[in-house]
Amino acid sequence: MKKFKTLAALFLLTMAAITAQAQSKVVKEFVIDGKTYYGTKAIPEELLGLYQYEKTKAPIVDVKREGQGKFQPHDVPAYPTEFWVQTDAKGNIEKTTGVNNNYMIILIVLYGDNGESGWKGNKKGLYDRMQAVVAYDQGYAIILGERFKPL
């Protein structure tokens, strides 16, 4: 009986992992500012993590697995967010490469409810696009040119 329960639990965990992986490869279409974009939640591993303004303080960006996380504008509480990496219509990540294997991609962001009203909460339900750079030669991943995460 114990073997059966162990095998059943292992099977369920494996199926959950396969389902999560398949969902992360799904391509979604977005219309942002009248233009069509595509994205996937298959975010490169080196982009996952906590980014801090000027390397040491808030406001932050937190990019987690399966595209969940937080984005904090200046002087505003963090918004819960969903992140996608911009792709072409077939799901190929649109990546600009540079020297030393550095590269740039675009993140697509959906802002959730940060619990604020007025201008401090006005991004709720909106999509945005932001630049993310993996700068191996500097030892950082950088979002918006000001939020840093060590590689």
N, C-alpha and C. Protein backbone atom coordinates (compact mmCIF):
# COMPACT_ATOMS: atom_id res chain seq x y z
N MET A 1 0.82 -1.20 0.00
CA MET A 1 0.00 0.00 0.00
C MET A 1 0.87 1.26 0.00
N LYS A 2 1.96 1.22 0.79
CA LYS A 2 2.86 2.38 0.84
C LYS A 2 3.49 2.62 -0.53
N LYS A 3 3.87 1.52 -1.22
CA LYS A 3 4.46 1.66 -2.55
C LYS A 3 3.47 2.32 -3.51
N PHE A 4 2.21 1.91 -3.42
CA PHE A 4 1.19 2.48 -4.30
C PHE A 4 1.03 3.98 -4.04
N LYS A 5 0.96 4.37 -2.78
CA LYS A 5 0.81 5.79 -2.43
C LYS A 5 2.02 6.59 -2.90
N THR A 6 3.21 6.02 -2.73
CA THR A 6 4.43 6.69 -3.17
C THR A 6 4.43 6.84 -4.69
N LEU A 7 4.09 5.77 -5.41
CA LEU A 7 4.03 5.83 -6.87
C LEU A 7 2.97 6.82 -7.34
N ALA A 8 1.82 6.83 -6.69
CA ALA A 8 0.75 7.76 -7.07
C ALA A 8 1.20 9.20 -6.84
N ALA A 9 1.85 9.47 -5.72
CA ALA A 9 2.33 10.83 -5.43
C ALA A 9 3.38 11.24 -6.44
N LEU A 10 4.30 10.32 -6.77
CA LEU A 10 5.34 10.60 -7.75
C LEU A 10 4.72 10.89 -9.12
N PHE A 11 3.74 10.09 -9.51
CA PHE A 11 3.05 10.29 -10.78
C PHE A 11 2.39 11.68 -10.83
N LEU A 12 1.69 12.05 -9.76
CA LEU A 12 1.01 13.35 -9.72
C LEU A 12 2.01 14.49 -9.79
N LEU A 13 3.13 14.38 -9.09
CA LEU A 13 4.16 15.42 -9.15
C LEU A 13 4.75 15.53 -10.55
N THR A 14 5.00 14.39 -11.19
CA THR A 14 5.54 14.39 -12.55
C THR A 14 4.55 15.04 -13.52
N MET A 15 3.29 14.70 -13.41
CA MET A 15 2.27 15.28 -14.29
C MET A 15 2.15 16.78 -14.06
N ALA A 16 2.23 17.22 -12.82
CA ALA A 16 2.16 18.66 -12.52
C ALA A 16 3.35 19.38 -13.14
N ALA A 17 4.53 18.79 -13.07
CA ALA A 17 5.73 19.40 -13.66
C ALA A 17 5.62 19.47 -15.18
N ILE A 18 5.13 18.41 -15.80
CA ILE A 18 4.96 18.39 -17.25
C ILE A 18 3.92 19.43 -17.68
N THR A 19 2.82 19.52 -16.95
CA THR A 19 1.78 20.50 -17.26
C THR A 19 2.32 21.91 -17.12
N ALA A 20 3.06 22.18 -16.06
CA ALA A 20 3.63 23.52 -15.85
C ALA A 20 4.60 23.87 -16.96
N GLN A 21 5.42 22.90 -17.37
CA GLN A 21 6.38 23.15 -18.44
C GLN A 21 5.65 23.43 -19.75
N ALA A 22 4.61 22.67 -20.06
CA ALA A 22 3.85 22.87 -21.29
C ALA A 22 3.16 24.23 -21.28
N GLN A 23 2.60 24.62 -20.13
CA GLN A 23 1.92 25.92 -20.05
C GLN A 23 2.91 27.06 -20.24
N SER A 24 4.15 26.91 -19.77
CA SER A 24 5.12 27.99 -19.88
C SER A 24 5.54 28.21 -21.33
N LYS A 25 5.37 27.20 -22.20
CA LYS A 25 5.76 27.32 -23.61
C LYS A 25 4.62 27.85 -24.48
N VAL A 26 3.44 28.04 -23.91
CA VAL A 26 2.30 28.55 -24.65
C VAL A 26 2.57 30.00 -25.07
N VAL A 27 2.22 30.32 -26.31
CA VAL A 27 2.41 31.68 -26.82
C VAL A 27 1.09 32.43 -26.69
N LYS A 28 1.16 33.60 -26.11
CA LYS A 28 -0.02 34.45 -25.93
C LYS A 28 0.14 35.69 -26.79
N GLU A 29 -0.97 36.16 -27.34
CA GLU A 29 -0.98 37.38 -28.15
C GLU A 29 -1.43 38.55 -27.28
N PHE A 30 -0.76 39.67 -27.43
CA PHE A 30 -1.07 40.89 -26.68
C PHE A 30 -1.24 42.05 -27.65
N VAL A 31 -2.14 42.97 -27.32
CA VAL A 31 -2.22 44.24 -28.04
C VAL A 31 -1.91 45.32 -27.01
N ILE A 32 -0.80 46.01 -27.22
CA ILE A 32 -0.34 47.04 -26.30
C ILE A 32 -0.11 48.30 -27.11
N ASP A 33 -0.78 49.36 -26.72
CA ASP A 33 -0.69 50.63 -27.45
C ASP A 33 -0.96 50.45 -28.94
N GLY A 34 -1.94 49.60 -29.27
CA GLY A 34 -2.37 49.41 -30.65
C GLY A 34 -1.47 48.51 -31.48
N LYS A 35 -0.42 47.93 -30.89
CA LYS A 35 0.48 47.04 -31.63
C LYS A 35 0.37 45.63 -31.07
N THR A 36 0.53 44.64 -31.95
CA THR A 36 0.42 43.24 -31.54
C THR A 36 1.80 42.69 -31.20
N TYR A 37 1.85 42.01 -30.05
CA TYR A 37 3.07 41.36 -29.58
C TYR A 37 2.72 39.94 -29.16
N TYR A 38 3.74 39.10 -29.00
CA TYR A 38 3.56 37.73 -28.54
C TYR A 38 4.51 37.49 -27.37
N GLY A 39 4.12 36.56 -26.50
CA GLY A 39 4.99 36.27 -25.37
C GLY A 39 4.76 34.89 -24.81
N THR A 40 5.73 34.43 -24.06
CA THR A 40 5.67 33.15 -23.37
C THR A 40 6.16 33.34 -21.94
N LYS A 41 5.68 32.48 -21.05
CA LYS A 41 6.13 32.53 -19.65
C LYS A 41 7.39 31.71 -19.44
N ALA A 42 7.98 31.18 -20.50
CA ALA A 42 9.24 30.43 -20.42
C ALA A 42 10.39 31.43 -20.29
N ILE A 43 10.49 32.04 -19.13
CA ILE A 43 11.47 33.09 -18.88
C ILE A 43 12.84 32.46 -18.64
N PRO A 44 13.89 32.96 -19.31
CA PRO A 44 15.23 32.40 -19.09
C PRO A 44 15.62 32.43 -17.61
N GLU A 45 16.24 31.36 -17.17
CA GLU A 45 16.63 31.18 -15.77
C GLU A 45 17.41 32.38 -15.21
N GLU A 46 18.33 32.93 -15.98
CA GLU A 46 19.17 34.02 -15.49
C GLU A 46 18.38 35.32 -15.22
N LEU A 47 17.15 35.40 -15.72
CA LEU A 47 16.33 36.59 -15.46
C LEU A 47 15.47 36.47 -14.21
N LEU A 48 15.37 35.27 -13.65
CA LEU A 48 14.56 35.07 -12.46
C LEU A 48 15.28 35.63 -11.24
N GLY A 49 14.51 36.26 -10.34
CA GLY A 49 15.10 36.74 -9.09
C GLY A 49 14.68 38.15 -8.74
N LEU A 50 15.27 38.66 -7.66
CA LEU A 50 14.95 39.97 -7.11
C LEU A 50 15.93 41.01 -7.63
N TYR A 51 15.39 42.06 -8.23
CA TYR A 51 16.16 43.19 -8.74
C TYR A 51 15.95 44.37 -7.81
N GLN A 52 17.05 45.10 -7.53
CA GLN A 52 16.95 46.27 -6.66
C GLN A 52 17.46 47.51 -7.39
N TYR A 53 16.82 48.62 -7.07
CA TYR A 53 17.19 49.90 -7.65
C TYR A 53 18.62 50.24 -7.25
N GLU A 54 19.41 50.62 -8.21
CA GLU A 54 20.82 50.96 -7.99
C GLU A 54 21.54 49.88 -7.18
N LYS A 55 21.13 48.63 -7.34
CA LYS A 55 21.72 47.42 -6.77
C LYS A 55 21.42 47.17 -5.30
N THR A 56 20.84 48.14 -4.56
CA THR A 56 20.76 47.96 -3.11
C THR A 56 19.44 48.33 -2.45
N LYS A 57 18.48 48.88 -3.17
CA LYS A 57 17.29 49.40 -2.47
C LYS A 57 16.04 49.33 -3.34
N ALA A 58 14.91 49.70 -2.73
CA ALA A 58 13.64 49.79 -3.46
C ALA A 58 13.69 51.04 -4.34
N PRO A 59 12.92 51.04 -5.41
CA PRO A 59 11.89 50.09 -5.83
C PRO A 59 12.49 48.83 -6.45
N ILE A 60 11.72 47.76 -6.37
CA ILE A 60 12.20 46.44 -6.78
C ILE A 60 11.41 45.88 -7.96
N VAL A 61 11.99 44.84 -8.54
CA VAL A 61 11.29 43.97 -9.49
C VAL A 61 11.61 42.56 -9.01
N ASP A 62 10.60 41.70 -8.95
CA ASP A 62 10.81 40.32 -8.53
C ASP A 62 10.19 39.42 -9.59
N VAL A 63 11.02 38.72 -10.33
CA VAL A 63 10.56 37.84 -11.41
C VAL A 63 10.70 36.41 -10.92
N LYS A 64 9.56 35.71 -10.83
CA LYS A 64 9.56 34.34 -10.32
C LYS A 64 9.20 33.35 -11.42
N ARG A 65 9.35 32.10 -11.08
CA ARG A 65 9.00 31.03 -12.03
C ARG A 65 7.55 31.16 -12.48
N GLU A 66 7.28 30.63 -13.63
CA GLU A 66 5.95 30.66 -14.24
C GLU A 66 5.41 32.07 -14.43
N GLY A 67 6.32 33.05 -14.49
CA GLY A 67 5.92 34.40 -14.83
C GLY A 67 5.23 35.21 -13.76
N GLN A 68 5.28 34.78 -12.54
CA GLN A 68 4.68 35.55 -11.45
C GLN A 68 5.73 36.50 -10.88
N GLY A 69 5.28 37.48 -10.09
CA GLY A 69 6.25 38.35 -9.45
C GLY A 69 5.65 39.66 -8.99
N LYS A 70 6.54 40.65 -8.87
CA LYS A 70 6.14 41.99 -8.43
C LYS A 70 6.93 43.03 -9.20
N PHE A 71 6.28 44.18 -9.39
CA PHE A 71 6.97 45.34 -9.96
C PHE A 71 6.59 46.55 -9.12
N GLN A 72 7.60 47.29 -8.69
CA GLN A 72 7.37 48.47 -7.87
C GLN A 72 7.84 49.72 -8.60
N PRO A 73 6.91 50.59 -8.99
CA PRO A 73 7.31 51.89 -9.53
C PRO A 73 7.90 52.75 -8.40
N HIS A 74 8.53 53.84 -8.75
CA HIS A 74 9.05 54.76 -7.74
C HIS A 74 7.91 55.33 -6.91
N ASP A 75 8.08 55.38 -5.60
CA ASP A 75 7.14 55.98 -4.64
C ASP A 75 5.76 55.34 -4.63
N VAL A 76 5.67 54.07 -5.01
CA VAL A 76 4.38 53.37 -5.06
C VAL A 76 4.59 51.95 -4.51
N PRO A 77 3.62 51.40 -3.75
CA PRO A 77 3.74 50.01 -3.33
C PRO A 77 3.81 49.07 -4.54
N ALA A 78 4.48 47.95 -4.37
CA ALA A 78 4.66 47.00 -5.46
C ALA A 78 3.33 46.43 -5.94
N TYR A 79 3.24 46.26 -7.25
CA TYR A 79 2.10 45.60 -7.88
C TYR A 79 2.41 44.12 -8.02
N PRO A 80 1.46 43.24 -7.72
CA PRO A 80 1.65 41.85 -8.15
C PRO A 80 1.59 41.85 -9.67
N THR A 81 2.40 41.05 -10.30
CA THR A 81 2.47 41.08 -11.76
C THR A 81 2.55 39.69 -12.35
N GLU A 82 2.24 39.64 -13.63
CA GLU A 82 2.54 38.48 -14.46
C GLU A 82 3.54 38.95 -15.49
N PHE A 83 4.55 38.12 -15.74
CA PHE A 83 5.60 38.44 -16.72
C PHE A 83 5.57 37.43 -17.85
N TRP A 84 5.83 37.92 -19.05
CA TRP A 84 6.08 37.09 -20.23
C TRP A 84 7.33 37.62 -20.90
N VAL A 85 8.00 36.77 -21.64
CA VAL A 85 9.12 37.20 -22.48
C VAL A 85 8.57 37.37 -23.89
N GLN A 86 8.90 38.49 -24.53
CA GLN A 86 8.41 38.75 -25.87
C GLN A 86 9.02 37.76 -26.85
N THR A 87 8.14 37.22 -27.72
CA THR A 87 8.55 36.23 -28.73
C THR A 87 7.98 36.64 -30.08
N ASP A 88 8.30 35.84 -31.09
CA ASP A 88 7.59 35.97 -32.35
C ASP A 88 6.32 35.12 -32.24
N ALA A 89 5.53 35.07 -33.28
CA ALA A 89 4.25 34.35 -33.24
C ALA A 89 4.42 32.85 -33.01
N LYS A 90 5.60 32.31 -33.31
CA LYS A 90 5.86 30.88 -33.13
C LYS A 90 6.43 30.56 -31.74
N GLY A 91 6.70 31.58 -30.94
CA GLY A 91 7.22 31.34 -29.59
C GLY A 91 8.73 31.44 -29.46
N ASN A 92 9.42 31.87 -30.52
CA ASN A 92 10.86 32.06 -30.44
C ASN A 92 11.15 33.38 -29.73
N ILE A 93 11.93 33.33 -28.67
CA ILE A 93 12.25 34.54 -27.91
C ILE A 93 12.99 35.52 -28.79
N GLU A 94 12.52 36.76 -28.79
CA GLU A 94 13.17 37.82 -29.55
C GLU A 94 14.29 38.37 -28.68
N LYS A 95 15.51 38.09 -29.09
CA LYS A 95 16.69 38.39 -28.30
C LYS A 95 17.69 39.15 -29.15
N THR A 96 18.20 40.25 -28.62
CA THR A 96 19.27 41.00 -29.28
C THR A 96 20.56 40.66 -28.55
N THR A 97 21.53 40.12 -29.27
CA THR A 97 22.77 39.71 -28.64
C THR A 97 23.86 40.74 -28.87
N GLY A 98 24.81 40.74 -27.95
CA GLY A 98 25.94 41.67 -28.04
C GLY A 98 27.24 40.93 -27.76
N VAL A 99 28.24 41.66 -27.34
CA VAL A 99 29.54 41.08 -27.03
C VAL A 99 29.48 40.31 -25.72
N ASN A 100 30.42 39.38 -25.54
CA ASN A 100 30.54 38.58 -24.32
C ASN A 100 29.27 37.81 -23.97
N ASN A 101 28.49 37.42 -24.98
CA ASN A 101 27.23 36.70 -24.78
C ASN A 101 26.15 37.52 -24.08
N ASN A 102 26.36 38.83 -23.90
CA ASN A 102 25.32 39.68 -23.33
C ASN A 102 24.12 39.68 -24.27
N TYR A 103 22.93 39.85 -23.70
CA TYR A 103 21.76 39.95 -24.56
C TYR A 103 20.68 40.79 -23.92
N MET A 104 19.73 41.23 -24.76
CA MET A 104 18.59 42.02 -24.31
C MET A 104 17.32 41.35 -24.80
N ILE A 105 16.32 41.33 -23.93
CA ILE A 105 14.99 40.86 -24.31
C ILE A 105 13.98 41.89 -23.80
N ILE A 106 12.74 41.72 -24.19
CA ILE A 106 11.66 42.57 -23.70
C ILE A 106 10.73 41.72 -22.84
N LEU A 107 10.43 42.23 -21.65
CA LEU A 107 9.43 41.60 -20.79
C LEU A 107 8.09 42.27 -21.03
N ILE A 108 7.05 41.48 -21.09
CA ILE A 108 5.68 42.00 -21.13
C ILE A 108 5.11 41.81 -19.74
N VAL A 109 4.51 42.86 -19.19
CA VAL A 109 4.05 42.85 -17.80
C VAL A 109 2.57 43.16 -17.73
N LEU A 110 1.84 42.39 -16.91
CA LEU A 110 0.45 42.70 -16.58
C LEU A 110 0.42 43.05 -15.10
N TYR A 111 -0.04 44.26 -14.79
CA TYR A 111 -0.09 44.72 -13.41
C TYR A 111 -1.37 44.24 -12.74
N GLY A 112 -1.23 43.71 -11.53
CA GLY A 112 -2.37 43.34 -10.71
C GLY A 112 -2.76 44.49 -9.80
N ASP A 113 -3.51 44.19 -8.75
CA ASP A 113 -4.00 45.19 -7.80
C ASP A 113 -3.01 45.34 -6.65
N ASN A 114 -2.44 46.53 -6.49
CA ASN A 114 -1.52 46.77 -5.38
C ASN A 114 -2.22 47.34 -4.15
N GLY A 115 -3.55 47.41 -4.20
CA GLY A 115 -4.33 47.87 -3.04
C GLY A 115 -4.41 49.38 -2.89
N GLU A 116 -3.86 50.10 -3.83
CA GLU A 116 -3.87 51.57 -3.76
C GLU A 116 -4.92 52.13 -4.71
N SER A 117 -5.36 53.35 -4.44
CA SER A 117 -6.28 54.04 -5.33
C SER A 117 -5.57 55.26 -5.92
N GLY A 118 -6.23 55.92 -6.86
CA GLY A 118 -5.64 57.11 -7.47
C GLY A 118 -4.40 56.75 -8.28
N TRP A 119 -3.48 57.71 -8.39
CA TRP A 119 -2.30 57.50 -9.24
C TRP A 119 -1.39 56.39 -8.71
N LYS A 120 -1.48 56.05 -7.43
CA LYS A 120 -0.62 55.00 -6.88
C LYS A 120 -1.12 53.59 -7.22
N GLY A 121 -2.33 53.49 -7.76
CA GLY A 121 -2.87 52.18 -8.12
C GLY A 121 -3.40 52.13 -9.54
N ASN A 122 -3.06 53.14 -10.36
CA ASN A 122 -3.68 53.25 -11.67
C ASN A 122 -3.13 52.31 -12.75
N LYS A 123 -2.16 51.47 -12.43
CA LYS A 123 -1.65 50.51 -13.43
C LYS A 123 -2.40 49.18 -13.42
N LYS A 124 -3.27 48.99 -12.44
CA LYS A 124 -4.01 47.72 -12.31
C LYS A 124 -4.71 47.37 -13.62
N GLY A 125 -4.47 46.15 -14.09
CA GLY A 125 -5.11 45.65 -15.30
C GLY A 125 -4.46 46.09 -16.59
N LEU A 126 -3.39 46.86 -16.53
CA LEU A 126 -2.71 47.35 -17.73
C LEU A 126 -1.51 46.49 -18.08
N TYR A 127 -1.19 46.45 -19.37
CA TYR A 127 0.01 45.78 -19.86
C TYR A 127 1.08 46.82 -20.12
N ASP A 128 2.32 46.40 -20.00
CA ASP A 128 3.47 47.26 -20.26
C ASP A 128 4.58 46.40 -20.84
N ARG A 129 5.56 47.02 -21.44
CA ARG A 129 6.74 46.33 -21.95
C ARG A 129 7.96 47.00 -21.34
N MET A 130 8.94 46.19 -20.95
CA MET A 130 10.16 46.77 -20.38
C MET A 130 11.38 45.95 -20.78
N GLN A 131 12.48 46.66 -20.92
CA GLN A 131 13.73 46.08 -21.36
C GLN A 131 14.44 45.36 -20.21
N ALA A 132 14.96 44.18 -20.51
CA ALA A 132 15.79 43.43 -19.57
C ALA A 132 17.07 43.03 -20.29
N VAL A 133 18.20 43.26 -19.62
CA VAL A 133 19.51 42.97 -20.20
C VAL A 133 20.24 41.98 -19.30
N VAL A 134 20.84 40.98 -19.91
CA VAL A 134 21.73 40.09 -19.18
C VAL A 134 23.13 40.50 -19.60
N ALA A 135 23.84 41.13 -18.64
CA ALA A 135 25.18 41.66 -18.90
C ALA A 135 26.20 40.79 -18.18
N TYR A 136 26.59 39.69 -18.82
CA TYR A 136 27.55 38.77 -18.21
C TYR A 136 28.86 39.49 -17.87
N ASP A 137 29.28 40.41 -18.73
CA ASP A 137 30.54 41.10 -18.48
C ASP A 137 30.49 42.03 -17.27
N GLN A 138 29.29 42.41 -16.83
CA GLN A 138 29.14 43.23 -15.63
C GLN A 138 28.73 42.39 -14.42
N GLY A 139 28.28 41.15 -14.67
CA GLY A 139 27.85 40.28 -13.59
C GLY A 139 26.44 40.55 -13.09
N TYR A 140 25.61 41.19 -13.94
CA TYR A 140 24.25 41.54 -13.52
C TYR A 140 23.25 41.30 -14.63
N ALA A 141 22.01 41.03 -14.20
CA ALA A 141 20.84 41.16 -15.08
C ALA A 141 20.23 42.50 -14.67
N ILE A 142 19.76 43.26 -15.65
CA ILE A 142 19.32 44.63 -15.39
C ILE A 142 17.97 44.85 -16.06
N ILE A 143 17.02 45.39 -15.31
CA ILE A 143 15.71 45.74 -15.86
C ILE A 143 15.56 47.25 -15.81
N LEU A 144 15.12 47.81 -16.93
CA LEU A 144 14.91 49.25 -17.10
C LEU A 144 16.18 50.06 -16.88
N GLY A 145 17.33 49.43 -16.97
CA GLY A 145 18.60 50.14 -16.85
C GLY A 145 18.91 50.61 -15.43
N GLU A 146 18.05 50.26 -14.43
CA GLU A 146 18.27 50.77 -13.08
C GLU A 146 18.02 49.75 -11.97
N ARG A 147 17.44 48.61 -12.31
CA ARG A 147 17.16 47.57 -11.30
C ARG A 147 18.11 46.41 -11.59
N PHE A 148 18.93 46.06 -10.62
CA PHE A 148 20.01 45.10 -10.83
C PHE A 148 19.83 43.84 -9.98
N LYS A 149 20.24 42.72 -10.57
CA LYS A 149 20.27 41.44 -9.86
C LYS A 149 21.59 40.76 -10.21
N PRO A 150 22.36 40.34 -9.20
CA PRO A 150 23.61 39.64 -9.51
C PRO A 150 23.34 38.34 -10.26
N LEU A 151 24.21 38.03 -11.21
CA LEU A 151 24.08 36.75 -11.96
C LEU A 151 24.75 35.63 -11.18
